[in-house]
Every structure is written in C-alpha cells, then in structure tokens.
Amino acid sequence: MIKIDIKKAFYLKNQIVVENFALQCDSGERICIKGRSGIGKTTILKIMAGIHKGYEGEVSLNSTKTAYIPQNAGLLPWKSVMKNVVLFNKGNKNNHHAFALLEKLDLKGLEKRFPMQLSGGQRQRVALAQALFFAPDIFLLDESFSALDGETKNNTLDILDAHLKQFNATLILVSHSHFEGKYLKCKMVEV
C-alpha cells in the first residue's frame, strides 16, 4: 500500500510547489496524476522516489523495489543501451531477458549505442526496458511516453500493461495525456 500526505513541498524553503496533496492506493493499483504544468506533479513523484527531501508530511511506500523514470529518461550517458538496461539488476546475469525486452520495445540492434545516439523516444523506451528488467513493485513514471509516435506508444503501453498485470505492480503515472491514463486503466487524480 502507498500512503502519501504532503502538507507542503518546496524549493529553497520559501517557494511552495505543492500543498495539501494526499493519495492512497493498494498494490497493483494504477494512478495517473493530472494537472497543469508547474503545479508540482514531478515534485510529488520525486518525493515518492526519495529524491526530493524538501517537504513536510508523510510518505509510506510498502515496496521492496521502486523504479522512477524522470522526464529526461535518466539514462547514464557513458553507458551503452544494454549496460543501462541491466544497470540496477547486476545480480541477474540473464541478458537474454534484457535482449528480449529491447526487441519487444523495437530497440533491437541498438544495444551498443549510447543515449546521445538515440532519439528521445528511443531513450524513453530504453528507460522503460531498464525498469522492466529491474522488475519493481512500484513504477513511478514522469511523462515517460511523451516522445513516442502513436503506434509505438500503443505497443509500449501494451508491454507495460502486461507486466503490471503479470506482477501485480503498482503504477503512478504523471502525464499530460488523458489517452495514456485511460489506456492503462488508471484512476485519475488531479493536483
């Protein structure tokens, strides 16, 4: 179960970006956080991921593994696609699974490239492959499909949907697209 009760989130102790945001969801639930630009959706995800410490309130994630994919995909520029995919799961030597994920996400043949040699949509799919390979209990995704064309987006959402179902993983998605939230059957939460 996830419980979030943010009284205030701020930058530099005086710039408040989120006030009075509460959320509760069970394992396997899917939430899409909506709201206008600059209202603090990304900050909420960063708080949940443990990256942003400037807040008052409580956050409880009953998770052994959480994956956070930021808007910029968060890939290490000095590592190849394959090394980025397996980065957080070093104990798992099953690169066959990593290759299979890359193939499913239409990234076959790009294993040795570096992030700067990829398009924005390819970087987003590599970041998703990394998260899927890590196999978290909770996915925190921040505009993770924004650079994808329609057909690629549908295929990518199908892959994520199948994984969420198979492993009863929780999804917290920030998106400006109603389509993504509806496609993934998310409960919509307004900030």
N, C-alpha and C. Protein backbone atom coordinates (compact mmCIF):
# COMPACT_ATOMS: atom_id res chain seq x y z
N MET A 1 0.83 -1.18 0.00
CA MET A 1 0.00 0.00 0.00
C MET A 1 0.88 1.24 0.00
N ILE A 2 0.41 2.27 -0.70
CA ILE A 2 1.08 3.56 -0.76
C ILE A 2 0.20 4.57 -0.05
N LYS A 3 0.82 5.34 0.86
CA LYS A 3 0.12 6.44 1.53
C LYS A 3 1.00 7.67 1.44
N ILE A 4 0.42 8.74 0.91
CA ILE A 4 1.14 9.99 0.77
C ILE A 4 0.28 11.09 1.36
N ASP A 5 0.89 11.88 2.21
CA ASP A 5 0.21 13.05 2.77
C ASP A 5 1.23 14.18 2.82
N ILE A 6 1.26 14.98 1.77
CA ILE A 6 2.21 16.07 1.66
C ILE A 6 1.50 17.36 2.07
N LYS A 7 1.94 17.92 3.17
CA LYS A 7 1.37 19.20 3.63
C LYS A 7 1.92 20.34 2.78
N LYS A 8 3.23 20.35 2.59
CA LYS A 8 3.90 21.35 1.76
C LYS A 8 5.14 20.72 1.16
N ALA A 9 5.38 21.04 -0.09
CA ALA A 9 6.64 20.68 -0.74
C ALA A 9 7.19 21.98 -1.31
N PHE A 10 8.48 22.17 -1.15
CA PHE A 10 9.05 23.45 -1.52
C PHE A 10 10.47 23.30 -2.04
N TYR A 11 10.91 24.35 -2.70
CA TYR A 11 12.29 24.51 -3.11
C TYR A 11 12.83 25.74 -2.39
N LEU A 12 14.04 25.67 -1.89
CA LEU A 12 14.72 26.77 -1.20
C LEU A 12 13.93 27.26 0.01
N LYS A 13 13.14 26.41 0.61
CA LYS A 13 12.39 26.65 1.86
C LYS A 13 11.34 27.74 1.77
N ASN A 14 11.25 28.45 0.65
CA ASN A 14 10.25 29.50 0.57
C ASN A 14 9.38 29.43 -0.68
N GLN A 15 9.76 28.63 -1.63
CA GLN A 15 8.97 28.51 -2.85
C GLN A 15 8.13 27.23 -2.76
N ILE A 16 6.88 27.37 -2.38
CA ILE A 16 5.99 26.22 -2.22
C ILE A 16 5.49 25.78 -3.59
N VAL A 17 5.66 24.49 -3.90
CA VAL A 17 5.22 23.97 -5.19
C VAL A 17 4.04 23.01 -5.06
N VAL A 18 3.85 22.43 -3.90
CA VAL A 18 2.72 21.52 -3.66
C VAL A 18 2.19 21.80 -2.26
N GLU A 19 0.87 21.85 -2.14
CA GLU A 19 0.24 22.00 -0.82
C GLU A 19 -0.92 21.02 -0.71
N ASN A 20 -1.00 20.38 0.43
CA ASN A 20 -2.14 19.52 0.78
C ASN A 20 -2.48 18.49 -0.30
N PHE A 21 -1.52 17.65 -0.59
CA PHE A 21 -1.76 16.56 -1.55
C PHE A 21 -1.74 15.24 -0.79
N ALA A 22 -2.81 14.48 -0.94
CA ALA A 22 -2.90 13.17 -0.29
C ALA A 22 -3.30 12.12 -1.32
N LEU A 23 -2.73 10.94 -1.16
CA LEU A 23 -3.02 9.84 -2.08
C LEU A 23 -2.84 8.53 -1.32
N GLN A 24 -3.72 7.60 -1.60
CA GLN A 24 -3.60 6.26 -1.03
C GLN A 24 -3.98 5.27 -2.12
N CYS A 25 -3.16 4.25 -2.28
CA CYS A 25 -3.51 3.20 -3.25
C CYS A 25 -2.95 1.86 -2.81
N ASP A 26 -3.60 0.82 -3.27
CA ASP A 26 -3.22 -0.55 -2.93
C ASP A 26 -2.26 -1.12 -3.96
N SER A 27 -1.64 -2.22 -3.62
CA SER A 27 -0.75 -2.92 -4.55
C SER A 27 -1.53 -3.26 -5.81
N GLY A 28 -0.89 -3.04 -6.94
CA GLY A 28 -1.50 -3.36 -8.23
C GLY A 28 -2.39 -2.28 -8.78
N GLU A 29 -2.62 -1.23 -8.01
CA GLU A 29 -3.48 -0.14 -8.48
C GLU A 29 -2.70 0.75 -9.44
N ARG A 30 -3.45 1.45 -10.28
CA ARG A 30 -2.86 2.34 -11.27
C ARG A 30 -3.43 3.74 -11.10
N ILE A 31 -2.54 4.71 -10.94
CA ILE A 31 -2.94 6.09 -10.70
C ILE A 31 -2.29 6.96 -11.76
N CYS A 32 -3.04 7.90 -12.32
CA CYS A 32 -2.50 8.90 -13.23
C CYS A 32 -2.70 10.26 -12.57
N ILE A 33 -1.61 10.95 -12.27
CA ILE A 33 -1.66 12.27 -11.65
C ILE A 33 -1.71 13.31 -12.76
N LYS A 34 -2.77 14.11 -12.74
CA LYS A 34 -3.01 15.12 -13.77
C LYS A 34 -2.94 16.50 -13.15
N GLY A 35 -2.77 17.49 -13.98
CA GLY A 35 -2.77 18.88 -13.53
C GLY A 35 -1.96 19.74 -14.49
N ARG A 36 -2.16 21.03 -14.38
CA ARG A 36 -1.48 21.94 -15.33
C ARG A 36 0.03 21.94 -15.08
N SER A 37 0.76 22.41 -16.04
CA SER A 37 2.22 22.48 -15.95
C SER A 37 2.65 23.35 -14.78
N GLY A 38 3.68 22.90 -14.07
CA GLY A 38 4.25 23.68 -12.99
C GLY A 38 3.53 23.57 -11.66
N ILE A 39 2.56 22.67 -11.56
CA ILE A 39 1.77 22.57 -10.32
C ILE A 39 2.38 21.62 -9.30
N GLY A 40 3.42 20.87 -9.68
CA GLY A 40 4.13 20.03 -8.71
C GLY A 40 3.99 18.53 -8.91
N LYS A 41 3.51 18.09 -10.05
CA LYS A 41 3.34 16.65 -10.30
C LYS A 41 4.68 15.93 -10.24
N THR A 42 5.68 16.48 -10.89
CA THR A 42 7.02 15.87 -10.88
C THR A 42 7.60 15.87 -9.48
N THR A 43 7.38 16.93 -8.74
CA THR A 43 7.87 17.00 -7.36
C THR A 43 7.26 15.89 -6.51
N ILE A 44 5.97 15.62 -6.71
CA ILE A 44 5.31 14.53 -5.98
C ILE A 44 6.00 13.20 -6.27
N LEU A 45 6.28 12.93 -7.55
CA LEU A 45 6.98 11.67 -7.89
C LEU A 45 8.37 11.63 -7.28
N LYS A 46 9.09 12.75 -7.31
CA LYS A 46 10.44 12.80 -6.73
C LYS A 46 10.40 12.56 -5.23
N ILE A 47 9.38 13.07 -4.56
CA ILE A 47 9.23 12.80 -3.13
C ILE A 47 9.01 11.31 -2.91
N MET A 48 8.13 10.71 -3.71
CA MET A 48 7.87 9.27 -3.59
C MET A 48 9.11 8.45 -3.86
N ALA A 49 9.95 8.91 -4.79
CA ALA A 49 11.18 8.19 -5.14
C ALA A 49 12.29 8.44 -4.13
N GLY A 50 12.08 9.36 -3.19
CA GLY A 50 13.10 9.66 -2.19
C GLY A 50 14.16 10.62 -2.68
N ILE A 51 13.92 11.29 -3.79
CA ILE A 51 14.90 12.20 -4.38
C ILE A 51 14.74 13.61 -3.84
N HIS A 52 13.49 14.04 -3.67
CA HIS A 52 13.21 15.39 -3.18
C HIS A 52 12.90 15.33 -1.69
N LYS A 53 13.72 16.00 -0.90
CA LYS A 53 13.58 15.94 0.56
C LYS A 53 12.92 17.19 1.14
N GLY A 54 12.69 18.21 0.33
CA GLY A 54 12.12 19.45 0.83
C GLY A 54 10.61 19.40 0.92
N TYR A 55 10.11 18.72 1.92
CA TYR A 55 8.65 18.66 2.10
C TYR A 55 8.31 18.40 3.56
N GLU A 56 7.07 18.74 3.89
CA GLU A 56 6.50 18.44 5.20
C GLU A 56 5.36 17.46 4.96
N GLY A 57 5.34 16.38 5.71
CA GLY A 57 4.29 15.38 5.55
C GLY A 57 4.86 13.99 5.70
N GLU A 58 4.09 13.03 5.25
CA GLU A 58 4.49 11.62 5.37
C GLU A 58 4.31 10.90 4.05
N VAL A 59 5.25 10.01 3.77
CA VAL A 59 5.19 9.16 2.59
C VAL A 59 5.53 7.75 3.02
N SER A 60 4.66 6.82 2.69
CA SER A 60 4.89 5.42 3.03
C SER A 60 4.67 4.57 1.79
N LEU A 61 5.75 3.95 1.34
CA LEU A 61 5.68 3.03 0.19
C LEU A 61 6.05 1.65 0.70
N ASN A 62 5.11 0.74 0.74
CA ASN A 62 5.42 -0.63 1.14
C ASN A 62 5.93 -1.36 -0.09
N SER A 63 7.20 -1.13 -0.38
CA SER A 63 7.79 -1.67 -1.60
C SER A 63 9.21 -2.12 -1.32
N THR A 64 9.56 -3.24 -1.92
CA THR A 64 10.96 -3.67 -1.83
C THR A 64 11.77 -3.05 -2.97
N LYS A 65 11.10 -2.73 -4.09
CA LYS A 65 11.78 -2.17 -5.24
C LYS A 65 10.87 -1.14 -5.92
N THR A 66 11.41 0.05 -6.10
CA THR A 66 10.68 1.12 -6.78
C THR A 66 11.52 1.61 -7.94
N ALA A 67 10.89 1.79 -9.10
CA ALA A 67 11.58 2.34 -10.27
C ALA A 67 11.00 3.72 -10.57
N TYR A 68 11.89 4.69 -10.73
CA TYR A 68 11.49 6.05 -11.09
C TYR A 68 12.09 6.39 -12.43
N ILE A 69 11.25 6.77 -13.38
CA ILE A 69 11.74 7.21 -14.69
C ILE A 69 11.41 8.69 -14.83
N PRO A 70 12.44 9.56 -14.82
CA PRO A 70 12.20 11.00 -14.94
C PRO A 70 11.87 11.39 -16.38
N GLN A 71 11.46 12.63 -16.56
CA GLN A 71 11.08 13.13 -17.88
C GLN A 71 12.20 12.99 -18.90
N ASN A 72 13.45 13.13 -18.47
CA ASN A 72 14.58 13.05 -19.41
C ASN A 72 15.11 11.63 -19.58
N ALA A 73 14.40 10.64 -19.09
CA ALA A 73 14.72 9.20 -19.18
C ALA A 73 15.77 8.76 -18.15
N GLY A 74 16.65 9.64 -17.73
CA GLY A 74 17.59 9.32 -16.64
C GLY A 74 18.64 8.29 -16.97
N LEU A 75 18.98 8.11 -18.22
CA LEU A 75 19.99 7.13 -18.60
C LEU A 75 21.39 7.69 -18.36
N LEU A 76 22.34 6.81 -18.07
CA LEU A 76 23.73 7.22 -17.89
C LEU A 76 24.36 7.38 -19.27
N PRO A 77 24.81 8.58 -19.62
CA PRO A 77 25.29 8.84 -20.98
C PRO A 77 26.55 8.08 -21.36
N TRP A 78 27.33 7.63 -20.38
CA TRP A 78 28.59 6.93 -20.67
C TRP A 78 28.41 5.42 -20.74
N LYS A 79 27.18 4.95 -20.57
CA LYS A 79 26.92 3.51 -20.67
C LYS A 79 26.09 3.22 -21.91
N SER A 80 26.33 2.07 -22.50
CA SER A 80 25.58 1.66 -23.68
C SER A 80 24.13 1.37 -23.30
N VAL A 81 23.31 1.20 -24.32
CA VAL A 81 21.90 0.84 -24.10
C VAL A 81 21.81 -0.40 -23.22
N MET A 82 22.53 -1.46 -23.58
CA MET A 82 22.45 -2.71 -22.81
C MET A 82 22.92 -2.51 -21.37
N LYS A 83 24.00 -1.79 -21.19
CA LYS A 83 24.51 -1.57 -19.83
C LYS A 83 23.55 -0.71 -19.00
N ASN A 84 22.84 0.19 -19.64
CA ASN A 84 21.81 0.96 -18.94
C ASN A 84 20.64 0.05 -18.54
N VAL A 85 20.24 -0.84 -19.43
CA VAL A 85 19.10 -1.73 -19.14
C VAL A 85 19.37 -2.60 -17.92
N VAL A 86 20.56 -3.17 -17.83
CA VAL A 86 20.87 -4.12 -16.74
C VAL A 86 21.48 -3.44 -15.52
N LEU A 87 21.61 -2.13 -15.55
CA LEU A 87 22.32 -1.37 -14.52
C LEU A 87 21.90 -1.69 -13.09
N PHE A 88 20.62 -1.71 -12.82
CA PHE A 88 20.14 -1.86 -11.44
C PHE A 88 19.85 -3.29 -11.04
N ASN A 89 20.18 -4.22 -11.88
CA ASN A 89 19.92 -5.62 -11.58
C ASN A 89 21.16 -6.44 -11.88
N LYS A 90 22.27 -6.04 -11.31
CA LYS A 90 23.56 -6.67 -11.61
C LYS A 90 23.61 -8.14 -11.23
N GLY A 91 22.84 -8.53 -10.22
CA GLY A 91 22.83 -9.92 -9.81
C GLY A 91 22.17 -10.83 -10.83
N ASN A 92 21.34 -10.25 -11.69
CA ASN A 92 20.65 -11.02 -12.73
C ASN A 92 21.53 -11.04 -13.97
N LYS A 93 22.12 -12.17 -14.24
CA LYS A 93 23.00 -12.30 -15.40
C LYS A 93 22.24 -12.73 -16.65
N ASN A 94 20.90 -12.71 -16.58
CA ASN A 94 20.07 -13.17 -17.68
C ASN A 94 19.92 -12.08 -18.73
N ASN A 95 20.96 -11.91 -19.55
CA ASN A 95 20.89 -10.90 -20.60
C ASN A 95 19.92 -11.30 -21.70
N HIS A 96 19.53 -12.58 -21.76
CA HIS A 96 18.52 -12.99 -22.76
C HIS A 96 17.23 -12.23 -22.51
N HIS A 97 16.88 -12.04 -21.24
CA HIS A 97 15.67 -11.29 -20.90
C HIS A 97 15.82 -9.83 -21.31
N ALA A 98 16.99 -9.25 -21.09
CA ALA A 98 17.24 -7.86 -21.49
C ALA A 98 17.15 -7.72 -23.01
N PHE A 99 17.74 -8.65 -23.75
CA PHE A 99 17.63 -8.61 -25.22
C PHE A 99 16.18 -8.75 -25.66
N ALA A 100 15.42 -9.63 -25.00
CA ALA A 100 14.01 -9.82 -25.34
C ALA A 100 13.21 -8.54 -25.10
N LEU A 101 13.49 -7.85 -24.00
CA LEU A 101 12.80 -6.59 -23.72
C LEU A 101 13.11 -5.56 -24.80
N LEU A 102 14.38 -5.45 -25.17
CA LEU A 102 14.77 -4.50 -26.21
C LEU A 102 14.09 -4.83 -27.53
N GLU A 103 13.98 -6.10 -27.84
CA GLU A 103 13.31 -6.49 -29.08
C GLU A 103 11.82 -6.14 -29.02
N LYS A 104 11.17 -6.45 -27.90
CA LYS A 104 9.75 -6.12 -27.74
C LYS A 104 9.50 -4.63 -27.90
N LEU A 105 10.43 -3.82 -27.39
CA LEU A 105 10.29 -2.37 -27.43
C LEU A 105 10.85 -1.76 -28.71
N ASP A 106 11.09 -2.59 -29.72
CA ASP A 106 11.58 -2.18 -31.03
C ASP A 106 12.92 -1.44 -30.94
N LEU A 107 13.82 -1.98 -30.12
CA LEU A 107 15.15 -1.40 -29.94
C LEU A 107 16.26 -2.38 -30.31
N LYS A 108 15.89 -3.48 -30.94
CA LYS A 108 16.88 -4.48 -31.34
C LYS A 108 17.91 -3.84 -32.28
N GLY A 109 19.17 -4.15 -32.04
CA GLY A 109 20.26 -3.61 -32.85
C GLY A 109 20.87 -2.34 -32.27
N LEU A 110 20.27 -1.81 -31.20
CA LEU A 110 20.77 -0.58 -30.59
C LEU A 110 21.53 -0.84 -29.29
N GLU A 111 21.77 -2.10 -28.97
CA GLU A 111 22.36 -2.47 -27.67
C GLU A 111 23.68 -1.78 -27.37
N LYS A 112 24.50 -1.53 -28.39
CA LYS A 112 25.84 -0.97 -28.18
C LYS A 112 25.89 0.55 -28.33
N ARG A 113 24.76 1.14 -28.69
CA ARG A 113 24.73 2.60 -28.82
C ARG A 113 24.67 3.26 -27.44
N PHE A 114 25.00 4.55 -27.43
CA PHE A 114 24.93 5.34 -26.22
C PHE A 114 23.71 6.26 -26.29
N PRO A 115 23.21 6.72 -25.15
CA PRO A 115 21.98 7.53 -25.15
C PRO A 115 22.01 8.71 -26.12
N MET A 116 23.16 9.38 -26.26
CA MET A 116 23.21 10.54 -27.16
C MET A 116 23.04 10.14 -28.64
N GLN A 117 23.16 8.85 -28.93
CA GLN A 117 22.99 8.36 -30.30
C GLN A 117 21.56 7.90 -30.57
N LEU A 118 20.66 8.17 -29.62
CA LEU A 118 19.27 7.73 -29.73
C LEU A 118 18.33 8.92 -29.83
N SER A 119 17.16 8.68 -30.39
CA SER A 119 16.12 9.70 -30.38
C SER A 119 15.51 9.78 -28.99
N GLY A 120 14.72 10.81 -28.74
CA GLY A 120 14.06 10.94 -27.44
C GLY A 120 13.14 9.77 -27.14
N GLY A 121 12.40 9.31 -28.15
CA GLY A 121 11.51 8.17 -27.96
C GLY A 121 12.27 6.88 -27.69
N GLN A 122 13.42 6.72 -28.34
CA GLN A 122 14.24 5.53 -28.07
C GLN A 122 14.79 5.57 -26.65
N ARG A 123 15.22 6.74 -26.20
CA ARG A 123 15.71 6.86 -24.82
C ARG A 123 14.60 6.53 -23.82
N GLN A 124 13.39 6.98 -24.09
CA GLN A 124 12.28 6.68 -23.18
C GLN A 124 12.02 5.17 -23.13
N ARG A 125 12.12 4.50 -24.26
CA ARG A 125 11.89 3.06 -24.27
C ARG A 125 13.03 2.29 -23.61
N VAL A 126 14.26 2.78 -23.74
CA VAL A 126 15.39 2.15 -23.03
C VAL A 126 15.16 2.29 -21.52
N ALA A 127 14.73 3.47 -21.07
CA ALA A 127 14.46 3.66 -19.64
C ALA A 127 13.36 2.72 -19.16
N LEU A 128 12.33 2.50 -19.98
CA LEU A 128 11.28 1.57 -19.60
C LEU A 128 11.82 0.14 -19.57
N ALA A 129 12.68 -0.22 -20.54
CA ALA A 129 13.29 -1.55 -20.54
C ALA A 129 14.11 -1.75 -19.26
N GLN A 130 14.83 -0.72 -18.86
CA GLN A 130 15.61 -0.77 -17.62
C GLN A 130 14.70 -1.04 -16.43
N ALA A 131 13.58 -0.32 -16.35
CA ALA A 131 12.64 -0.51 -15.24
C ALA A 131 12.01 -1.89 -15.28
N LEU A 132 11.62 -2.36 -16.45
CA LEU A 132 11.01 -3.69 -16.58
C LEU A 132 12.01 -4.78 -16.20
N PHE A 133 13.26 -4.62 -16.59
CA PHE A 133 14.29 -5.59 -16.24
C PHE A 133 14.53 -5.62 -14.74
N PHE A 134 14.46 -4.46 -14.11
CA PHE A 134 14.62 -4.33 -12.66
C PHE A 134 13.45 -5.00 -11.92
N ALA A 135 12.28 -5.03 -12.56
CA ALA A 135 11.07 -5.68 -12.02
C ALA A 135 10.65 -5.13 -10.65
N PRO A 136 10.30 -3.83 -10.60
CA PRO A 136 9.92 -3.23 -9.32
C PRO A 136 8.49 -3.57 -8.91
N ASP A 137 8.20 -3.28 -7.65
CA ASP A 137 6.83 -3.37 -7.14
C ASP A 137 6.03 -2.14 -7.56
N ILE A 138 6.74 -1.00 -7.66
CA ILE A 138 6.11 0.28 -7.97
C ILE A 138 6.87 0.96 -9.11
N PHE A 139 6.10 1.39 -10.11
CA PHE A 139 6.64 2.19 -11.21
C PHE A 139 6.21 3.63 -11.00
N LEU A 140 7.15 4.56 -10.97
CA LEU A 140 6.88 5.99 -10.91
C LEU A 140 7.34 6.58 -12.24
N LEU A 141 6.39 6.92 -13.10
CA LEU A 141 6.72 7.33 -14.46
C LEU A 141 6.30 8.78 -14.70
N ASP A 142 7.25 9.60 -15.14
CA ASP A 142 7.01 11.03 -15.35
C ASP A 142 7.09 11.35 -16.84
N GLU A 143 5.93 11.48 -17.46
CA GLU A 143 5.85 11.79 -18.89
C GLU A 143 6.72 10.84 -19.72
N SER A 144 6.64 9.56 -19.40
CA SER A 144 7.54 8.57 -19.98
C SER A 144 7.19 8.13 -21.40
N PHE A 145 6.11 8.66 -21.95
CA PHE A 145 5.70 8.26 -23.31
C PHE A 145 5.53 9.47 -24.22
N SER A 146 5.96 10.63 -23.76
CA SER A 146 5.69 11.89 -24.47
C SER A 146 6.37 11.99 -25.83
N ALA A 147 7.48 11.30 -26.05
CA ALA A 147 8.23 11.41 -27.30
C ALA A 147 7.89 10.28 -28.29
N LEU A 148 6.87 9.49 -27.99
CA LEU A 148 6.55 8.33 -28.83
C LEU A 148 5.43 8.65 -29.81
N ASP A 149 5.58 8.15 -31.04
CA ASP A 149 4.50 8.27 -32.02
C ASP A 149 3.37 7.33 -31.63
N GLY A 150 2.22 7.47 -32.25
CA GLY A 150 1.01 6.73 -31.87
C GLY A 150 1.17 5.22 -31.81
N GLU A 151 1.66 4.62 -32.88
CA GLU A 151 1.79 3.15 -32.93
C GLU A 151 2.81 2.65 -31.91
N THR A 152 3.95 3.34 -31.81
CA THR A 152 4.98 2.95 -30.84
C THR A 152 4.46 3.11 -29.41
N LYS A 153 3.72 4.19 -29.18
CA LYS A 153 3.16 4.42 -27.84
C LYS A 153 2.20 3.29 -27.47
N ASN A 154 1.30 2.90 -28.38
CA ASN A 154 0.36 1.82 -28.09
C ASN A 154 1.09 0.52 -27.76
N ASN A 155 2.10 0.19 -28.56
CA ASN A 155 2.88 -1.04 -28.32
C ASN A 155 3.58 -0.98 -26.96
N THR A 156 4.18 0.16 -26.65
CA THR A 156 4.89 0.33 -25.39
C THR A 156 3.94 0.25 -24.20
N LEU A 157 2.77 0.88 -24.32
CA LEU A 157 1.77 0.81 -23.25
C LEU A 157 1.26 -0.61 -23.07
N ASP A 158 1.12 -1.36 -24.16
CA ASP A 158 0.70 -2.77 -24.07
C ASP A 158 1.72 -3.60 -23.29
N ILE A 159 3.00 -3.36 -23.56
CA ILE A 159 4.07 -4.10 -22.86
C ILE A 159 4.05 -3.77 -21.37
N LEU A 160 3.91 -2.50 -21.04
CA LEU A 160 3.83 -2.10 -19.63
C LEU A 160 2.59 -2.69 -18.98
N ASP A 161 1.46 -2.61 -19.65
CA ASP A 161 0.20 -3.14 -19.12
C ASP A 161 0.32 -4.64 -18.79
N ALA A 162 0.90 -5.40 -19.71
CA ALA A 162 1.07 -6.85 -19.49
C ALA A 162 1.96 -7.11 -18.28
N HIS A 163 3.02 -6.34 -18.14
CA HIS A 163 3.92 -6.51 -16.99
C HIS A 163 3.20 -6.18 -15.69
N LEU A 164 2.48 -5.07 -15.66
CA LEU A 164 1.75 -4.67 -14.45
C LEU A 164 0.77 -5.77 -14.03
N LYS A 165 0.06 -6.34 -15.00
CA LYS A 165 -0.90 -7.42 -14.71
C LYS A 165 -0.18 -8.66 -14.18
N GLN A 166 0.88 -9.06 -14.87
CA GLN A 166 1.58 -10.29 -14.52
C GLN A 166 2.17 -10.24 -13.11
N PHE A 167 2.71 -9.08 -12.71
CA PHE A 167 3.41 -8.99 -11.43
C PHE A 167 2.64 -8.19 -10.38
N ASN A 168 1.40 -7.81 -10.69
CA ASN A 168 0.57 -7.03 -9.78
C ASN A 168 1.33 -5.81 -9.26
N ALA A 169 2.06 -5.15 -10.16
CA ALA A 169 2.85 -3.98 -9.80
C ALA A 169 1.96 -2.73 -9.80
N THR A 170 2.35 -1.78 -8.99
CA THR A 170 1.63 -0.51 -8.86
C THR A 170 2.22 0.50 -9.84
N LEU A 171 1.36 1.33 -10.40
CA LEU A 171 1.80 2.37 -11.33
C LEU A 171 1.32 3.73 -10.84
N ILE A 172 2.26 4.67 -10.73
CA ILE A 172 1.92 6.07 -10.51
C ILE A 172 2.50 6.80 -11.72
N LEU A 173 1.61 7.33 -12.54
CA LEU A 173 1.98 7.94 -13.82
C LEU A 173 1.65 9.43 -13.78
N VAL A 174 2.61 10.25 -14.18
CA VAL A 174 2.34 11.66 -14.42
C VAL A 174 2.30 11.83 -15.93
N SER A 175 1.19 12.39 -16.41
CA SER A 175 1.04 12.54 -17.85
C SER A 175 0.12 13.71 -18.17
N HIS A 176 0.43 14.40 -19.24
CA HIS A 176 -0.47 15.44 -19.75
C HIS A 176 -1.47 14.82 -20.72
N SER A 177 -1.31 13.56 -21.03
CA SER A 177 -2.17 12.88 -22.00
C SER A 177 -3.24 12.06 -21.28
N HIS A 178 -4.51 12.41 -21.51
CA HIS A 178 -5.60 11.60 -20.97
C HIS A 178 -5.55 10.19 -21.56
N PHE A 179 -5.07 10.11 -22.80
CA PHE A 179 -5.03 8.83 -23.51
C PHE A 179 -4.23 7.79 -22.74
N GLU A 180 -3.04 8.16 -22.28
CA GLU A 180 -2.17 7.19 -21.60
C GLU A 180 -2.82 6.66 -20.33
N GLY A 181 -3.37 7.55 -19.54
CA GLY A 181 -4.04 7.15 -18.30
C GLY A 181 -5.23 6.24 -18.56
N LYS A 182 -6.03 6.59 -19.58
CA LYS A 182 -7.20 5.76 -19.92
C LYS A 182 -6.77 4.42 -20.50
N TYR A 183 -5.76 4.43 -21.35
CA TYR A 183 -5.28 3.20 -21.99
C TYR A 183 -4.80 2.20 -20.93
N LEU A 184 -4.15 2.71 -19.89
CA LEU A 184 -3.64 1.86 -18.84
C LEU A 184 -4.64 1.65 -17.70
N LYS A 185 -5.86 2.13 -17.90
CA LYS A 185 -6.96 1.97 -16.93
C LYS A 185 -6.59 2.52 -15.55
N CYS A 186 -6.06 3.73 -15.57
CA CYS A 186 -5.65 4.41 -14.34
C CYS A 186 -6.81 5.16 -13.70
N LYS A 187 -6.75 5.25 -12.41
CA LYS A 187 -7.63 6.16 -11.67
C LYS A 187 -6.99 7.54 -11.80
N MET A 188 -7.79 8.54 -12.21
CA MET A 188 -7.26 9.89 -12.42
C MET A 188 -7.29 10.66 -11.11
N VAL A 189 -6.16 11.30 -10.78
CA VAL A 189 -6.05 12.12 -9.58
C VAL A 189 -5.57 13.50 -10.01
N GLU A 190 -6.31 14.51 -9.64
CA GLU A 190 -5.98 15.90 -10.02
C GLU A 190 -5.15 16.55 -8.92
N VAL A 191 -4.12 17.30 -9.32
CA VAL A 191 -3.32 18.07 -8.36
C VAL A 191 -3.83 19.50 -8.38
